[in-house]
């Protein structure tokens, strides 16, 4: 009798452990969202990623940053400038928050994500200035820029617009798109996060997109 009760208890415990395991797996496994659900939550993904042509920028260490540096990991690429008063710092802060959330949810995926800030203001954004700016958000972030045509050509491929507005004091202001380009491990333009980004929605949509990509 006691042996039968013991076997029953063990069986119930095993069943409960299985249920808990399934529940945890369901919670930790990102749901697969439809393309429309991704769009509704701020992420647009192309049916067929767009291949980027070769380009050369200069990073904050003075080294070449090319399409080769995009391969092997996912890349978030944001175009702005260091003296931007609002959109750039808030967007970069949102990217940092998203990256931190991703690290908590999926450390392996977080290790395969790089963030690149491309300055559209090469006249004022020197490598040192770029380095100081991006490292304020995270020491691993990359700052890069180049001469106008190189930036323009890359930005055009990523559907990013920017321009210069003369000021009365003889200087100029810069206007630019606020979207965050998403580049896949093949170095192709995969999609973009709409502006303004929501870190929590970025986490959900990115993990869902990643699940579909892995499958």
N, C-alpha and C. Protein backbone atom coordinates (compact mmCIF):
# COMPACT_ATOMS: atom_id res chain seq x y z
N UNK A 1 0.83 -1.19 0.00
CA UNK A 1 0.00 0.00 0.00
C UNK A 1 0.87 1.25 0.00
N UNK A 2 1.86 1.27 0.93
CA UNK A 2 2.74 2.42 1.00
C UNK A 2 3.53 2.61 -0.28
N UNK A 3 3.93 1.45 -0.86
CA UNK A 3 4.67 1.52 -2.12
C UNK A 3 3.80 2.10 -3.23
N UNK A 4 2.53 1.74 -3.24
CA UNK A 4 1.61 2.26 -4.25
C UNK A 4 1.41 3.75 -4.10
N UNK A 5 1.27 4.20 -2.86
CA UNK A 5 1.10 5.63 -2.59
C UNK A 5 2.34 6.39 -3.03
N UNK A 6 3.51 5.82 -2.70
CA UNK A 6 4.77 6.46 -3.07
C UNK A 6 4.89 6.60 -4.58
N UNK A 7 4.52 5.55 -5.30
CA UNK A 7 4.59 5.60 -6.76
C UNK A 7 3.63 6.65 -7.32
N UNK A 8 2.46 6.76 -6.68
CA UNK A 8 1.48 7.76 -7.12
C UNK A 8 2.01 9.17 -6.91
N UNK A 9 2.61 9.39 -5.72
CA UNK A 9 3.17 10.70 -5.41
C UNK A 9 4.28 11.05 -6.39
N UNK A 10 5.16 10.07 -6.65
CA UNK A 10 6.27 10.30 -7.59
C UNK A 10 5.72 10.62 -8.98
N UNK A 11 4.68 9.88 -9.37
CA UNK A 11 4.07 10.11 -10.68
C UNK A 11 3.47 11.51 -10.80
N UNK A 12 2.76 11.93 -9.73
CA UNK A 12 2.16 13.26 -9.73
C UNK A 12 3.24 14.34 -9.76
N UNK A 13 4.31 14.13 -9.01
CA UNK A 13 5.40 15.10 -8.98
C UNK A 13 6.04 15.24 -10.36
N UNK A 14 6.24 14.10 -11.02
CA UNK A 14 6.84 14.12 -12.35
C UNK A 14 5.91 14.84 -13.34
N UNK A 15 4.59 14.58 -13.19
CA UNK A 15 3.62 15.23 -14.08
C UNK A 15 3.61 16.74 -13.86
N UNK A 16 3.65 17.15 -12.58
CA UNK A 16 3.67 18.59 -12.28
C UNK A 16 4.96 19.24 -12.80
N UNK A 17 6.08 18.53 -12.68
CA UNK A 17 7.35 19.06 -13.18
C UNK A 17 7.28 19.24 -14.69
N UNK A 18 6.61 18.29 -15.37
CA UNK A 18 6.45 18.39 -16.82
C UNK A 18 5.61 19.60 -17.19
N UNK A 19 4.52 19.80 -16.45
CA UNK A 19 3.65 20.95 -16.72
C UNK A 19 4.40 22.26 -16.51
N UNK A 20 5.16 22.35 -15.42
CA UNK A 20 5.94 23.55 -15.14
C UNK A 20 6.97 23.79 -16.23
N UNK A 21 7.62 22.71 -16.66
CA UNK A 21 8.62 22.82 -17.72
C UNK A 21 8.01 23.33 -19.02
N UNK A 22 6.84 22.81 -19.36
CA UNK A 22 6.15 23.25 -20.58
C UNK A 22 5.74 24.71 -20.47
N UNK A 23 5.28 25.12 -19.27
CA UNK A 23 4.88 26.50 -19.06
C UNK A 23 6.08 27.44 -19.19
N UNK A 24 7.19 27.08 -18.57
CA UNK A 24 8.40 27.90 -18.65
C UNK A 24 8.87 28.00 -20.09
N UNK A 25 8.84 26.87 -20.79
CA UNK A 25 9.27 26.87 -22.20
C UNK A 25 8.39 27.80 -23.03
N UNK A 26 7.09 27.77 -22.75
CA UNK A 26 6.17 28.62 -23.50
C UNK A 26 6.41 30.09 -23.21
N UNK A 27 6.71 30.41 -21.94
CA UNK A 27 6.96 31.79 -21.56
C UNK A 27 8.26 32.30 -22.18
N UNK A 28 9.29 31.47 -22.16
CA UNK A 28 10.60 31.90 -22.63
C UNK A 28 10.74 31.84 -24.15
N UNK A 29 9.89 31.05 -24.82
CA UNK A 29 9.98 30.93 -26.27
C UNK A 29 9.14 32.04 -26.92
N UNK A 30 9.75 32.88 -27.76
CA UNK A 30 9.00 33.97 -28.39
C UNK A 30 7.93 33.45 -29.35
N UNK A 31 6.78 34.10 -29.33
CA UNK A 31 5.72 33.73 -30.25
C UNK A 31 6.08 34.18 -31.66
N UNK A 32 5.65 33.40 -32.64
CA UNK A 32 5.89 33.78 -34.03
C UNK A 32 4.77 34.71 -34.48
N UNK A 33 5.12 35.94 -34.81
CA UNK A 33 4.13 36.93 -35.20
C UNK A 33 4.03 36.99 -36.72
N UNK A 34 2.85 37.34 -37.21
CA UNK A 34 2.67 37.52 -38.64
C UNK A 34 3.37 38.82 -39.05
N UNK A 35 3.55 38.98 -40.35
CA UNK A 35 4.20 40.19 -40.82
C UNK A 35 3.39 41.43 -40.43
N UNK A 36 2.08 41.33 -40.48
CA UNK A 36 1.26 42.48 -40.11
C UNK A 36 1.38 42.78 -38.62
N UNK A 37 1.46 41.74 -37.80
CA UNK A 37 1.64 41.95 -36.35
C UNK A 37 2.99 42.60 -36.06
N UNK A 38 4.02 42.20 -36.80
CA UNK A 38 5.32 42.83 -36.64
C UNK A 38 5.24 44.31 -36.99
N UNK A 39 4.58 44.62 -38.11
CA UNK A 39 4.43 46.02 -38.55
C UNK A 39 3.65 46.82 -37.52
N UNK A 40 2.56 46.23 -37.03
CA UNK A 40 1.72 46.93 -36.04
C UNK A 40 2.49 47.24 -34.77
N UNK A 41 3.53 46.45 -34.49
CA UNK A 41 4.33 46.65 -33.29
C UNK A 41 5.68 47.30 -33.56
N UNK A 42 5.82 47.87 -34.76
CA UNK A 42 6.97 48.73 -35.02
C UNK A 42 8.12 48.16 -35.81
N UNK A 43 8.01 46.91 -36.29
CA UNK A 43 9.10 46.32 -37.07
C UNK A 43 8.60 45.93 -38.46
N UNK A 44 9.23 46.50 -39.48
CA UNK A 44 8.91 46.11 -40.86
C UNK A 44 10.01 45.21 -41.36
N UNK A 45 9.63 44.04 -41.87
CA UNK A 45 10.59 43.07 -42.40
C UNK A 45 10.29 42.81 -43.87
N UNK A 46 11.31 42.89 -44.70
CA UNK A 46 11.13 42.63 -46.12
C UNK A 46 10.92 41.13 -46.37
N UNK A 47 10.08 40.82 -47.36
CA UNK A 47 9.89 39.42 -47.75
C UNK A 47 11.21 38.84 -48.24
N UNK A 48 11.93 39.64 -49.01
CA UNK A 48 13.26 39.25 -49.49
C UNK A 48 14.24 40.35 -49.07
N UNK A 49 15.20 40.05 -48.20
CA UNK A 49 16.17 41.07 -47.77
C UNK A 49 16.88 41.70 -48.97
N UNK A 50 17.22 42.98 -48.84
CA UNK A 50 17.85 43.71 -49.93
C UNK A 50 19.38 43.70 -49.76
N UNK A 51 20.04 43.27 -50.79
CA UNK A 51 21.50 43.17 -50.73
C UNK A 51 22.10 44.58 -50.77
N UNK A 52 23.03 44.83 -49.87
CA UNK A 52 23.72 46.12 -49.83
C UNK A 52 24.97 46.07 -50.71
N UNK A 53 25.23 47.15 -51.40
CA UNK A 53 26.46 47.24 -52.17
C UNK A 53 27.62 47.52 -51.21
N UNK A 54 28.84 47.30 -51.69
CA UNK A 54 30.01 47.53 -50.85
C UNK A 54 30.12 49.01 -50.48
N UNK A 55 30.61 49.27 -49.28
CA UNK A 55 30.79 50.64 -48.82
C UNK A 55 31.98 50.69 -47.88
N UNK A 56 32.50 51.87 -47.65
CA UNK A 56 33.59 52.05 -46.70
C UNK A 56 33.35 53.30 -45.87
N UNK A 57 33.22 53.11 -44.58
CA UNK A 57 33.13 54.21 -43.64
C UNK A 57 34.41 54.17 -42.79
N UNK A 58 34.57 55.17 -41.94
CA UNK A 58 35.68 55.20 -41.00
C UNK A 58 35.10 55.15 -39.59
N UNK A 59 35.53 54.17 -38.79
CA UNK A 59 34.95 54.05 -37.46
C UNK A 59 35.64 54.99 -36.47
N UNK A 60 35.18 54.96 -35.22
CA UNK A 60 35.68 55.92 -34.23
C UNK A 60 37.14 55.66 -33.83
N UNK A 61 37.67 54.51 -34.26
CA UNK A 61 39.08 54.22 -34.02
C UNK A 61 39.96 54.58 -35.22
N UNK A 62 39.33 55.14 -36.26
CA UNK A 62 40.08 55.50 -37.45
C UNK A 62 40.29 54.36 -38.42
N UNK A 63 39.60 53.23 -38.18
CA UNK A 63 39.73 52.07 -39.06
C UNK A 63 38.57 52.00 -40.04
N UNK A 64 38.78 51.28 -41.15
CA UNK A 64 37.71 51.10 -42.13
C UNK A 64 36.58 50.26 -41.54
N UNK A 65 35.36 50.68 -41.82
CA UNK A 65 34.18 49.89 -41.47
C UNK A 65 33.46 49.61 -42.77
N UNK A 66 33.40 48.34 -43.16
CA UNK A 66 32.84 47.96 -44.45
C UNK A 66 31.70 46.97 -44.28
N UNK A 67 31.17 46.52 -45.39
CA UNK A 67 30.08 45.54 -45.36
C UNK A 67 30.53 44.25 -44.69
N UNK A 68 31.82 43.96 -44.76
CA UNK A 68 32.34 42.74 -44.13
C UNK A 68 32.09 42.74 -42.63
N UNK A 69 32.10 43.94 -42.01
CA UNK A 69 31.87 44.02 -40.56
C UNK A 69 30.41 43.78 -40.18
N UNK A 70 29.54 43.66 -41.17
CA UNK A 70 28.13 43.41 -40.89
C UNK A 70 27.83 41.92 -40.84
N UNK A 71 28.71 41.12 -41.39
CA UNK A 71 28.44 39.69 -41.51
C UNK A 71 28.75 38.94 -40.21
N UNK A 72 27.92 37.94 -39.95
CA UNK A 72 28.13 37.09 -38.78
C UNK A 72 27.33 37.48 -37.57
N UNK A 73 26.63 38.62 -37.62
CA UNK A 73 25.78 39.04 -36.50
C UNK A 73 24.69 39.98 -37.03
N UNK A 74 23.67 40.17 -36.21
CA UNK A 74 22.64 41.15 -36.55
C UNK A 74 23.17 42.53 -36.21
N UNK A 75 22.78 43.51 -37.01
CA UNK A 75 23.24 44.88 -36.78
C UNK A 75 22.06 45.85 -36.76
N UNK A 76 22.04 46.70 -35.75
CA UNK A 76 21.13 47.84 -35.73
C UNK A 76 21.96 49.04 -36.15
N UNK A 77 21.55 49.70 -37.23
CA UNK A 77 22.29 50.86 -37.73
C UNK A 77 21.39 52.09 -37.71
N UNK A 78 21.85 53.09 -36.97
CA UNK A 78 21.08 54.32 -36.83
C UNK A 78 21.90 55.50 -37.34
N UNK A 79 21.27 56.36 -38.15
CA UNK A 79 21.93 57.53 -38.72
C UNK A 79 21.54 58.78 -37.95
N UNK A 80 22.53 59.55 -37.51
CA UNK A 80 22.25 60.77 -36.78
C UNK A 80 23.50 61.62 -36.68
N UNK A 81 23.62 62.40 -35.61
CA UNK A 81 24.82 63.21 -35.40
C UNK A 81 24.94 63.54 -33.92
N UNK A 82 26.14 63.74 -33.45
CA UNK A 82 26.38 63.82 -32.01
C UNK A 82 25.78 65.04 -31.33
N UNK A 83 25.59 66.13 -32.08
CA UNK A 83 25.01 67.33 -31.47
C UNK A 83 23.50 67.40 -31.63
N UNK A 84 22.90 66.31 -32.07
CA UNK A 84 21.44 66.21 -32.20
C UNK A 84 20.82 66.39 -30.81
N UNK A 85 19.85 67.30 -30.67
CA UNK A 85 19.32 67.61 -29.34
C UNK A 85 18.26 66.66 -28.79
N UNK A 86 17.62 65.87 -29.67
CA UNK A 86 16.50 65.09 -29.17
C UNK A 86 16.39 63.67 -29.74
N UNK A 87 16.15 63.55 -31.04
CA UNK A 87 15.88 62.23 -31.62
C UNK A 87 17.04 61.26 -31.41
N UNK A 88 18.27 61.72 -31.65
CA UNK A 88 19.42 60.81 -31.55
C UNK A 88 19.65 60.27 -30.14
N UNK A 89 19.75 61.13 -29.12
CA UNK A 89 19.98 60.58 -27.78
C UNK A 89 18.84 59.70 -27.28
N UNK A 90 17.60 60.07 -27.60
CA UNK A 90 16.48 59.24 -27.13
C UNK A 90 16.44 57.91 -27.87
N UNK A 91 16.76 57.92 -29.16
CA UNK A 91 16.77 56.67 -29.93
C UNK A 91 17.91 55.77 -29.46
N UNK A 92 19.08 56.35 -29.24
CA UNK A 92 20.21 55.54 -28.78
C UNK A 92 19.94 54.97 -27.38
N UNK A 93 19.26 55.74 -26.54
CA UNK A 93 18.90 55.24 -25.22
C UNK A 93 17.90 54.09 -25.32
N UNK A 94 16.98 54.18 -26.28
CA UNK A 94 16.00 53.11 -26.50
C UNK A 94 16.70 51.85 -27.01
N UNK A 95 17.68 52.03 -27.90
CA UNK A 95 18.43 50.88 -28.39
C UNK A 95 19.17 50.21 -27.24
N UNK A 96 19.78 51.00 -26.38
CA UNK A 96 20.50 50.44 -25.23
C UNK A 96 19.53 49.67 -24.33
N UNK A 97 18.35 50.22 -24.08
CA UNK A 97 17.38 49.54 -23.23
C UNK A 97 16.94 48.23 -23.87
N UNK A 98 16.70 48.27 -25.18
CA UNK A 98 16.33 47.05 -25.89
C UNK A 98 17.43 46.00 -25.78
N UNK A 99 18.67 46.41 -25.98
CA UNK A 99 19.80 45.47 -25.90
C UNK A 99 19.91 44.86 -24.51
N UNK A 100 19.65 45.65 -23.48
CA UNK A 100 19.69 45.13 -22.11
C UNK A 100 18.56 44.13 -21.86
N UNK A 101 17.39 44.43 -22.39
CA UNK A 101 16.25 43.52 -22.27
C UNK A 101 16.54 42.21 -23.00
N UNK A 102 17.15 42.32 -24.17
CA UNK A 102 17.48 41.13 -24.95
C UNK A 102 18.50 40.27 -24.21
N UNK A 103 19.46 40.92 -23.57
CA UNK A 103 20.48 40.19 -22.83
C UNK A 103 19.85 39.40 -21.69
N UNK A 104 18.83 39.96 -21.05
CA UNK A 104 18.16 39.26 -19.96
C UNK A 104 17.32 38.09 -20.49
N UNK A 105 16.71 38.29 -21.66
CA UNK A 105 15.82 37.27 -22.22
C UNK A 105 16.57 36.20 -23.00
N UNK A 106 17.64 36.60 -23.69
CA UNK A 106 18.35 35.67 -24.57
C UNK A 106 19.79 36.16 -24.73
N UNK A 107 20.64 35.77 -23.81
CA UNK A 107 22.03 36.25 -23.81
C UNK A 107 22.77 35.86 -25.08
N UNK A 108 22.46 34.69 -25.63
CA UNK A 108 23.13 34.24 -26.85
C UNK A 108 22.80 35.16 -28.02
N UNK A 109 21.53 35.55 -28.13
CA UNK A 109 21.13 36.45 -29.20
C UNK A 109 21.75 37.83 -29.00
N UNK A 110 21.82 38.26 -27.74
CA UNK A 110 22.41 39.57 -27.44
C UNK A 110 23.88 39.63 -27.84
N UNK A 111 24.58 38.51 -27.70
CA UNK A 111 26.00 38.46 -28.06
C UNK A 111 26.20 38.57 -29.56
N UNK A 112 25.15 38.29 -30.33
CA UNK A 112 25.23 38.33 -31.79
C UNK A 112 24.55 39.59 -32.35
N UNK A 113 24.54 40.65 -31.54
CA UNK A 113 23.93 41.90 -31.98
C UNK A 113 24.94 43.03 -31.84
N UNK A 114 25.14 43.79 -32.91
CA UNK A 114 26.00 44.96 -32.82
C UNK A 114 25.20 46.22 -33.15
N UNK A 115 25.62 47.32 -32.59
CA UNK A 115 24.96 48.60 -32.80
C UNK A 115 25.95 49.56 -33.44
N UNK A 116 25.52 50.16 -34.56
CA UNK A 116 26.38 51.09 -35.30
C UNK A 116 25.67 52.43 -35.45
N UNK A 117 26.31 53.47 -35.00
CA UNK A 117 25.80 54.84 -35.14
C UNK A 117 26.57 55.51 -36.26
N UNK A 118 25.87 55.87 -37.35
CA UNK A 118 26.51 56.50 -38.50
C UNK A 118 26.23 58.00 -38.46
N UNK A 119 27.26 58.79 -38.35
CA UNK A 119 27.07 60.23 -38.32
C UNK A 119 26.90 60.78 -39.73
N UNK A 120 25.86 61.59 -39.89
CA UNK A 120 25.62 62.27 -41.18
C UNK A 120 26.19 63.69 -41.14
N UNK A 121 27.02 63.95 -40.13
CA UNK A 121 27.62 65.27 -39.95
C UNK A 121 29.15 65.13 -39.85
N UNK A 122 29.78 64.65 -40.94
CA UNK A 122 31.22 64.36 -40.88
C UNK A 122 32.09 65.60 -40.68
N UNK A 123 31.59 66.79 -40.98
CA UNK A 123 32.38 68.01 -40.80
C UNK A 123 32.66 68.27 -39.32
N UNK A 124 31.71 67.89 -38.46
CA UNK A 124 31.85 68.19 -37.03
C UNK A 124 32.12 66.95 -36.19
N UNK A 125 31.71 65.78 -36.67
CA UNK A 125 31.84 64.56 -35.88
C UNK A 125 33.15 63.84 -36.21
N UNK A 126 34.18 64.19 -35.47
CA UNK A 126 35.48 63.55 -35.63
C UNK A 126 35.43 62.15 -35.01
N UNK A 127 36.41 61.28 -35.33
CA UNK A 127 36.44 59.95 -34.71
C UNK A 127 36.43 60.01 -33.18
N UNK A 128 37.20 60.91 -32.59
CA UNK A 128 37.22 61.02 -31.13
C UNK A 128 35.86 61.40 -30.58
N UNK A 129 35.23 62.34 -31.24
CA UNK A 129 33.91 62.80 -30.79
C UNK A 129 32.88 61.68 -30.91
N UNK A 130 32.97 60.93 -32.00
CA UNK A 130 32.06 59.80 -32.21
C UNK A 130 32.28 58.73 -31.14
N UNK A 131 33.55 58.45 -30.85
CA UNK A 131 33.85 57.44 -29.84
C UNK A 131 33.29 57.81 -28.48
N UNK A 132 33.48 59.05 -28.09
CA UNK A 132 32.96 59.52 -26.80
C UNK A 132 31.44 59.40 -26.77
N UNK A 133 30.80 59.74 -27.89
CA UNK A 133 29.34 59.73 -27.96
C UNK A 133 28.77 58.31 -27.83
N UNK A 134 29.25 57.39 -28.68
CA UNK A 134 28.66 56.05 -28.66
C UNK A 134 29.00 55.30 -27.38
N UNK A 135 30.19 55.55 -26.82
CA UNK A 135 30.58 54.84 -25.60
C UNK A 135 29.85 55.35 -24.37
N UNK A 136 29.21 56.50 -24.49
CA UNK A 136 28.34 56.97 -23.41
C UNK A 136 27.17 55.99 -23.24
N UNK A 137 26.73 55.41 -24.35
CA UNK A 137 25.61 54.47 -24.31
C UNK A 137 26.08 53.04 -24.04
N UNK A 138 27.18 52.65 -24.67
CA UNK A 138 27.74 51.32 -24.44
C UNK A 138 29.14 51.26 -25.02
N UNK A 139 30.06 50.67 -24.29
CA UNK A 139 31.45 50.64 -24.73
C UNK A 139 31.68 49.81 -25.98
N UNK A 140 30.71 48.97 -26.33
CA UNK A 140 30.86 48.12 -27.51
C UNK A 140 30.23 48.72 -28.77
N UNK A 141 29.49 49.81 -28.63
CA UNK A 141 28.85 50.40 -29.80
C UNK A 141 29.89 51.01 -30.74
N UNK A 142 29.58 51.00 -32.02
CA UNK A 142 30.49 51.51 -33.04
C UNK A 142 29.98 52.83 -33.59
N UNK A 143 30.86 53.82 -33.66
CA UNK A 143 30.55 55.08 -34.32
C UNK A 143 31.29 55.12 -35.64
N UNK A 144 30.65 55.59 -36.69
CA UNK A 144 31.30 55.61 -38.01
C UNK A 144 30.78 56.78 -38.83
N UNK A 145 31.59 57.23 -39.76
CA UNK A 145 31.18 58.28 -40.68
C UNK A 145 32.08 58.22 -41.91
N UNK A 146 31.90 59.15 -42.82
CA UNK A 146 32.72 59.20 -44.04
C UNK A 146 32.44 60.51 -44.74
N UNK A 147 32.94 60.65 -45.92
CA UNK A 147 32.60 61.84 -46.71
C UNK A 147 31.16 61.72 -47.22
N UNK A 148 30.60 62.84 -47.60
CA UNK A 148 29.16 62.95 -47.85
C UNK A 148 28.62 61.86 -48.79
N UNK A 149 29.24 61.67 -49.94
CA UNK A 149 28.66 60.76 -50.93
C UNK A 149 28.63 59.32 -50.43
N UNK A 150 29.63 58.91 -49.67
CA UNK A 150 29.62 57.55 -49.13
C UNK A 150 28.48 57.36 -48.14
N UNK A 151 28.26 58.36 -47.29
CA UNK A 151 27.16 58.29 -46.34
C UNK A 151 25.83 58.30 -47.08
N UNK A 152 25.71 59.19 -48.05
CA UNK A 152 24.46 59.32 -48.81
C UNK A 152 24.12 58.03 -49.54
N UNK A 153 25.11 57.41 -50.16
CA UNK A 153 24.87 56.18 -50.92
C UNK A 153 24.39 55.06 -50.01
N UNK A 154 25.02 54.91 -48.84
CA UNK A 154 24.59 53.87 -47.90
C UNK A 154 23.22 54.19 -47.33
N UNK A 155 23.00 55.44 -46.95
CA UNK A 155 21.71 55.84 -46.39
C UNK A 155 20.58 55.61 -47.38
N UNK A 156 20.84 55.90 -48.64
CA UNK A 156 19.82 55.73 -49.68
C UNK A 156 19.42 54.26 -49.79
N UNK A 157 20.38 53.35 -49.67
CA UNK A 157 20.08 51.92 -49.75
C UNK A 157 19.22 51.47 -48.57
N UNK A 158 19.33 52.18 -47.45
CA UNK A 158 18.60 51.82 -46.25
C UNK A 158 17.35 52.68 -46.04
N UNK A 159 16.98 53.43 -47.09
CA UNK A 159 15.79 54.29 -47.06
C UNK A 159 15.87 55.36 -45.98
N UNK A 160 17.07 55.85 -45.73
CA UNK A 160 17.28 56.90 -44.76
C UNK A 160 17.53 58.22 -45.48
N UNK A 161 16.82 59.25 -45.07
CA UNK A 161 17.01 60.57 -45.67
C UNK A 161 17.65 61.51 -44.66
N UNK A 162 18.49 62.42 -45.16
CA UNK A 162 19.06 63.45 -44.30
C UNK A 162 19.41 64.67 -45.14
N UNK A 163 19.51 65.81 -44.48
CA UNK A 163 19.83 67.05 -45.18
C UNK A 163 20.33 68.09 -44.21
N UNK A 164 20.83 69.19 -44.77
CA UNK A 164 21.43 70.26 -43.96
C UNK A 164 20.63 71.54 -44.12
N UNK A 165 20.38 72.19 -43.00
CA UNK A 165 19.57 73.41 -42.99
C UNK A 165 20.41 74.58 -42.48
N UNK A 166 20.70 75.58 -43.32
CA UNK A 166 21.51 76.73 -42.88
C UNK A 166 20.83 77.49 -41.74
N UNK A 167 21.64 77.93 -40.78
CA UNK A 167 21.13 78.73 -39.66
C UNK A 167 21.50 80.19 -39.86
N UNK A 168 20.81 81.07 -39.14
CA UNK A 168 21.06 82.50 -39.26
C UNK A 168 22.45 82.89 -38.77
N UNK A 169 23.01 82.07 -37.87
CA UNK A 169 24.33 82.40 -37.32
C UNK A 169 25.48 81.92 -38.20
N UNK A 170 25.14 81.40 -39.38
CA UNK A 170 26.17 80.96 -40.31
C UNK A 170 26.53 79.50 -40.19
N UNK A 171 26.01 78.81 -39.20
CA UNK A 171 26.24 77.37 -39.07
C UNK A 171 25.10 76.62 -39.76
N UNK A 172 24.86 75.40 -39.38
CA UNK A 172 23.78 74.63 -40.01
C UNK A 172 23.23 73.61 -39.02
N UNK A 173 21.98 73.24 -39.26
CA UNK A 173 21.35 72.16 -38.51
C UNK A 173 21.21 70.96 -39.45
N UNK A 174 20.96 69.82 -38.88
CA UNK A 174 20.85 68.59 -39.67
C UNK A 174 19.48 67.96 -39.42
N UNK A 175 18.83 67.55 -40.50
CA UNK A 175 17.58 66.80 -40.38
C UNK A 175 17.83 65.39 -40.89
N UNK A 176 17.17 64.41 -40.28
CA UNK A 176 17.40 63.03 -40.70
C UNK A 176 16.24 62.14 -40.28
N UNK A 177 16.13 60.98 -40.93
CA UNK A 177 15.11 60.00 -40.59
C UNK A 177 15.41 59.39 -39.22
N UNK A 178 14.36 58.91 -38.57
CA UNK A 178 14.54 58.33 -37.23
C UNK A 178 14.45 56.82 -37.17
N UNK A 179 14.29 56.16 -38.34
CA UNK A 179 14.18 54.71 -38.34
C UNK A 179 15.53 54.05 -38.01
N UNK A 180 15.46 52.82 -37.49
CA UNK A 180 16.66 52.04 -37.18
C UNK A 180 16.73 50.88 -38.16
N UNK A 181 17.76 50.89 -39.00
CA UNK A 181 17.90 49.82 -40.00
C UNK A 181 18.31 48.52 -39.32
N UNK A 182 17.73 47.42 -39.77
CA UNK A 182 18.06 46.09 -39.27
C UNK A 182 18.76 45.32 -40.39
N UNK A 183 20.00 44.93 -40.14
CA UNK A 183 20.81 44.23 -41.14
C UNK A 183 21.09 42.83 -40.64
N UNK A 184 20.85 41.83 -41.49
CA UNK A 184 20.99 40.44 -41.06
C UNK A 184 22.44 39.95 -41.15
N UNK A 185 22.71 38.75 -40.63
CA UNK A 185 24.08 38.24 -40.60
C UNK A 185 24.72 38.01 -41.97
N UNK A 186 23.92 38.09 -43.03
CA UNK A 186 24.48 37.98 -44.37
C UNK A 186 24.94 39.35 -44.88
N UNK A 187 24.69 40.39 -44.10
CA UNK A 187 25.05 41.73 -44.51
C UNK A 187 24.02 42.37 -45.41
N UNK A 188 22.78 41.88 -45.35
CA UNK A 188 21.70 42.40 -46.19
C UNK A 188 20.70 43.21 -45.35
N UNK A 189 20.06 44.17 -46.01
CA UNK A 189 19.06 45.02 -45.37
C UNK A 189 17.81 44.18 -45.14
N UNK A 190 17.53 43.86 -43.87
CA UNK A 190 16.46 42.93 -43.52
C UNK A 190 15.13 43.64 -43.25
N UNK A 191 15.21 44.87 -42.74
CA UNK A 191 14.01 45.60 -42.39
C UNK A 191 14.38 46.81 -41.54
N UNK A 192 13.40 47.35 -40.82
CA UNK A 192 13.71 48.50 -39.97
C UNK A 192 12.69 48.65 -38.85
N UNK A 193 13.15 49.21 -37.74
CA UNK A 193 12.27 49.57 -36.64
C UNK A 193 11.80 50.99 -36.87
N UNK A 194 10.50 51.18 -36.78
CA UNK A 194 9.92 52.51 -37.02
C UNK A 194 10.21 53.45 -35.85
N UNK A 195 10.14 54.73 -36.15
CA UNK A 195 10.39 55.77 -35.15
C UNK A 195 9.07 56.30 -34.60
N UNK A 196 8.99 56.57 -33.30
CA UNK A 196 10.01 56.35 -32.26
C UNK A 196 9.98 54.90 -31.79
N UNK A 197 11.14 54.31 -31.46
CA UNK A 197 11.18 52.91 -31.06
C UNK A 197 10.73 52.70 -29.63
N UNK A 198 10.06 51.59 -29.41
CA UNK A 198 9.65 51.18 -28.06
C UNK A 198 10.50 49.96 -27.70
N UNK A 199 11.40 50.07 -26.70
CA UNK A 199 12.31 48.96 -26.38
C UNK A 199 11.62 47.63 -26.12
N UNK A 200 10.48 47.65 -25.44
CA UNK A 200 9.79 46.41 -25.12
C UNK A 200 9.17 45.78 -26.37
N UNK A 201 8.61 46.60 -27.24
CA UNK A 201 8.08 46.07 -28.49
C UNK A 201 9.22 45.61 -29.40
N UNK A 202 10.35 46.30 -29.35
CA UNK A 202 11.51 45.87 -30.13
C UNK A 202 11.94 44.47 -29.71
N UNK A 203 11.91 44.22 -28.39
CA UNK A 203 12.30 42.91 -27.88
C UNK A 203 11.38 41.81 -28.42
N UNK A 204 10.08 42.04 -28.33
CA UNK A 204 9.11 41.03 -28.76
C UNK A 204 9.20 40.79 -30.26
N UNK A 205 9.26 41.86 -31.04
CA UNK A 205 9.28 41.69 -32.49
C UNK A 205 10.61 41.12 -32.97
N UNK A 206 11.71 41.55 -32.37
CA UNK A 206 13.01 41.04 -32.79
C UNK A 206 13.12 39.54 -32.51
N UNK A 207 12.69 39.11 -31.33
CA UNK A 207 12.77 37.69 -30.99
C UNK A 207 11.85 36.85 -31.87
N UNK A 208 10.69 37.40 -32.21
CA UNK A 208 9.79 36.70 -33.12
C UNK A 208 10.40 36.58 -34.50
N UNK A 209 10.96 37.71 -35.00
CA UNK A 209 11.61 37.69 -36.30
C UNK A 209 12.78 36.72 -36.31
N UNK A 210 13.54 36.71 -35.22
CA UNK A 210 14.71 35.84 -35.11
C UNK A 210 14.29 34.36 -35.15
N UNK A 211 13.18 34.06 -34.50
CA UNK A 211 12.69 32.69 -34.50
C UNK A 211 12.34 32.25 -35.92
N UNK A 212 11.68 33.14 -36.67
CA UNK A 212 11.34 32.82 -38.06
C UNK A 212 12.58 32.69 -38.92
N UNK A 213 13.58 33.54 -38.69
CA UNK A 213 14.84 33.48 -39.45
C UNK A 213 15.57 32.16 -39.20
N UNK A 214 15.61 31.73 -37.94
CA UNK A 214 16.32 30.49 -37.59
C UNK A 214 15.63 29.27 -38.19
N UNK A 215 14.31 29.36 -38.37
CA UNK A 215 13.58 28.23 -38.94
C UNK A 215 13.66 28.22 -40.47
